[in-house]
């Protein structure tokens, strides 16, 4: 008598091994997707910071012979508060850079403005989430720069973002401190 096929034990062992391998693949895929979104967040912040530095340099009158030698300014909170104002302040920025991963370009921007001048990752308000970034322009006296009255008012900025993998909030500072 010749037996063809597999025994129940062999089938159970094979199915169990396949289940374990499938579980490992799904867990690894999820971790890879989270890592990819975090890389996109970091790239977004770098793009925003570069655009803000370009804004500062285009508003730098310290070497132009102008009477006001205060230097450049970063955009105030009012310049970033709406999509229209943001497009005016940072005209060349990629619309995807101001939206966190998973936020569609037709949705409101992910870049929000700070409502306080506390310059720590735990103290800035609102706190950034994995879907929002926070822009905090600061005046010379370390108060929040809500509008530019004089050239050079907004002397520095902080950008805050939160990574999905570790849940930590990070801060990027302007070149001009």
Protein backbone atom coordinates (compact mmCIF):
# COMPACT_ATOMS: atom_id res chain seq x y z
CA UNK A 1 0.00 0.00 0.00
CA UNK A 2 1.54 3.26 -1.16
CA UNK A 3 0.44 6.45 0.54
CA UNK A 4 0.15 9.62 -1.40
CA UNK A 5 -0.26 13.07 0.14
CA UNK A 6 0.64 14.55 3.48
CA UNK A 7 -0.31 13.56 6.97
CA UNK A 8 -2.27 15.93 9.20
CA UNK A 9 0.84 16.57 11.32
CA UNK A 10 2.88 17.59 8.28
CA UNK A 11 0.13 19.94 7.11
CA UNK A 12 -0.22 21.55 10.55
CA UNK A 13 3.54 22.09 10.83
CA UNK A 14 3.70 23.60 7.33
CA UNK A 15 0.73 25.92 7.95
CA UNK A 16 2.19 27.01 11.30
CA UNK A 17 5.56 27.85 9.73
CA UNK A 18 3.85 29.76 6.93
CA UNK A 19 1.78 31.70 9.48
CA UNK A 20 4.88 32.67 11.45
CA UNK A 21 6.68 33.82 8.30
CA UNK A 22 3.65 35.80 7.15
CA UNK A 23 3.37 37.50 10.56
CA UNK A 24 7.05 38.46 10.45
CA UNK A 25 6.63 39.87 6.94
CA UNK A 26 3.61 41.99 7.94
CA UNK A 27 5.37 43.36 11.05
CA UNK A 28 8.46 44.19 9.00
CA UNK A 29 6.35 45.89 6.32
CA UNK A 30 4.61 48.07 8.94
CA UNK A 31 7.96 49.12 10.45
CA UNK A 32 9.29 49.93 6.98
CA UNK A 33 6.24 52.08 6.19
CA UNK A 34 6.60 54.00 9.48
CA UNK A 35 10.28 54.57 8.77
CA UNK A 36 9.47 55.80 5.27
CA UNK A 37 6.90 58.30 6.59
CA UNK A 38 9.43 59.56 9.16
CA UNK A 39 12.02 60.11 6.41
CA UNK A 40 9.39 62.09 4.49
CA UNK A 41 8.70 64.23 7.59
CA UNK A 42 12.41 65.03 7.95
CA UNK A 43 12.63 65.91 4.26
CA UNK A 44 9.56 68.15 4.55
CA UNK A 45 11.11 70.03 7.48
CA UNK A 46 14.41 70.47 5.62
CA UNK A 47 12.50 71.82 2.59
CA UNK A 48 10.50 74.24 4.74
CA UNK A 49 13.66 75.41 6.55
CA UNK A 50 15.43 75.99 3.23
CA UNK A 51 12.46 78.03 1.94
CA UNK A 52 12.43 80.09 5.15
CA UNK A 53 16.17 80.79 4.79
CA UNK A 54 15.57 81.90 1.19
CA UNK A 55 12.83 84.25 2.46
CA UNK A 56 15.26 85.66 5.05
CA UNK A 57 17.97 86.20 2.43
CA UNK A 58 15.55 87.88 0.02
CA UNK A 59 14.52 90.27 2.82
CA UNK A 60 18.07 91.04 3.97
CA UNK A 61 18.72 94.77 3.59
CA UNK A 62 21.86 94.85 5.72
CA UNK A 63 24.16 94.93 2.68
CA UNK A 64 21.97 96.89 0.27
CA UNK A 65 22.86 100.36 1.48
CA UNK A 66 19.35 100.86 2.86
CA UNK A 67 18.93 103.11 5.88
CA UNK A 68 17.60 100.24 7.97
CA UNK A 69 20.55 97.96 8.74
CA UNK A 70 18.50 95.48 10.74
CA UNK A 71 19.07 92.63 8.31
CA UNK A 72 16.64 90.06 7.03
CA UNK A 73 13.48 88.73 8.58
CA UNK A 74 11.75 85.41 8.63
CA UNK A 75 8.00 85.33 7.96
CA UNK A 76 5.79 86.26 10.93
CA UNK A 77 2.97 83.96 12.04
CA UNK A 78 0.49 86.06 10.05
CA UNK A 79 2.50 85.33 6.87
CA UNK A 80 2.12 81.57 7.38
CA UNK A 81 -1.38 81.43 8.89
CA UNK A 82 -3.27 80.56 5.69
CA UNK A 83 -2.48 78.73 2.46
CA UNK A 84 -2.73 82.00 0.53
CA UNK A 85 -0.36 83.86 2.87
CA UNK A 86 2.04 80.92 2.85
CA UNK A 87 2.14 80.81 -0.96
CA UNK A 88 2.91 84.55 -0.98
CA UNK A 89 5.66 84.25 1.64
CA UNK A 90 7.22 81.06 0.23
CA UNK A 91 6.21 81.08 -3.44
CA UNK A 92 8.49 78.30 -4.66
CA UNK A 93 7.80 75.71 -1.97
CA UNK A 94 6.51 72.32 -3.04
CA UNK A 95 2.88 71.93 -1.83
CA UNK A 96 3.70 68.38 -0.69
CA UNK A 97 6.39 69.70 1.68
CA UNK A 98 3.85 71.65 3.75
CA UNK A 99 1.70 68.57 4.19
CA UNK A 100 2.70 65.65 6.39
CA UNK A 101 2.75 62.10 4.99
CA UNK A 102 -0.79 60.90 4.33
CA UNK A 103 -2.21 64.43 4.08
CA UNK A 104 -3.49 65.10 0.56
CA UNK A 105 -2.43 68.24 -1.31
CA UNK A 106 -6.11 69.23 -1.49
CA UNK A 107 -6.36 69.20 2.33
CA UNK A 108 -5.36 72.17 4.50
CA UNK A 109 -1.63 72.51 5.06
CA UNK A 110 0.07 70.64 7.89
CA UNK A 111 2.27 73.61 8.77
CA UNK A 112 0.72 75.44 11.72
CA UNK A 113 2.01 78.42 13.67
CA UNK A 114 3.03 78.45 17.30
CA UNK A 115 0.86 80.34 19.76
CA UNK A 116 3.57 80.84 22.38
CA UNK A 117 7.28 81.64 22.56
CA UNK A 118 8.41 78.66 24.66
CA UNK A 119 11.32 77.31 22.64
CA UNK A 120 11.39 73.72 23.88
CA UNK A 121 10.00 70.59 22.29
CA UNK A 122 7.78 70.02 25.33
CA UNK A 123 6.65 73.64 25.73
CA UNK A 124 5.73 74.80 22.25
CA UNK A 125 2.00 75.13 21.62
CA UNK A 126 0.31 73.63 19.78
CA UNK A 127 2.31 70.45 20.06
CA UNK A 128 3.22 68.93 16.70
CA UNK A 129 1.64 65.62 15.76
CA UNK A 130 2.52 63.10 13.08
CA UNK A 131 0.11 65.07 10.86
CA UNK A 132 1.26 68.62 11.71
CA UNK A 133 4.42 70.69 11.83
CA UNK A 134 4.76 73.83 13.98
CA UNK A 135 6.51 77.04 12.84
CA UNK A 136 7.66 79.44 15.58
CA UNK A 137 9.18 82.77 14.47
CA UNK A 138 10.99 84.59 17.28
CA UNK A 139 11.87 88.29 17.70
CA UNK A 140 15.15 89.67 19.05
CA UNK A 141 13.61 89.91 22.53
CA UNK A 142 12.56 86.20 22.32
CA UNK A 143 8.86 86.98 22.00
CA UNK A 144 6.69 85.35 19.34
CA UNK A 145 6.82 87.26 16.05
CA UNK A 146 3.19 87.60 15.01
CA UNK A 147 3.71 90.37 12.45
CA UNK A 148 6.57 92.30 10.95
CA UNK A 149 6.49 95.97 11.89
CA UNK A 150 10.14 96.77 11.16
CA UNK A 151 12.57 95.01 8.86
CA UNK A 152 14.49 92.48 10.90
CA UNK A 153 11.73 91.85 13.46
CA UNK A 154 11.61 88.07 13.08
CA UNK A 155 15.24 87.21 13.76
CA UNK A 156 15.05 83.43 14.10
CA UNK A 157 12.69 80.49 13.85
CA UNK A 158 12.11 77.03 15.20
CA UNK A 159 10.36 74.22 13.35
CA UNK A 160 8.90 71.36 15.37
CA UNK A 161 7.85 67.94 14.11
CA UNK A 162 6.99 64.58 15.61
CA UNK A 163 8.27 61.23 14.38
CA UNK A 164 5.96 58.26 14.26
CA UNK A 165 8.53 55.57 15.11
CA UNK A 166 9.63 56.91 18.50
CA UNK A 167 6.85 59.43 19.20
CA UNK A 168 9.42 62.11 20.04
CA UNK A 169 9.19 65.78 19.08
CA UNK A 170 12.21 67.31 17.34
CA UNK A 171 13.25 70.90 16.68
CA UNK A 172 15.09 72.47 13.74
CA UNK A 173 16.48 75.96 14.32
CA UNK A 174 17.21 78.73 11.84
CA UNK A 175 20.72 79.50 10.65
CA UNK A 176 20.45 83.01 12.06
CA UNK A 177 20.24 82.75 15.82
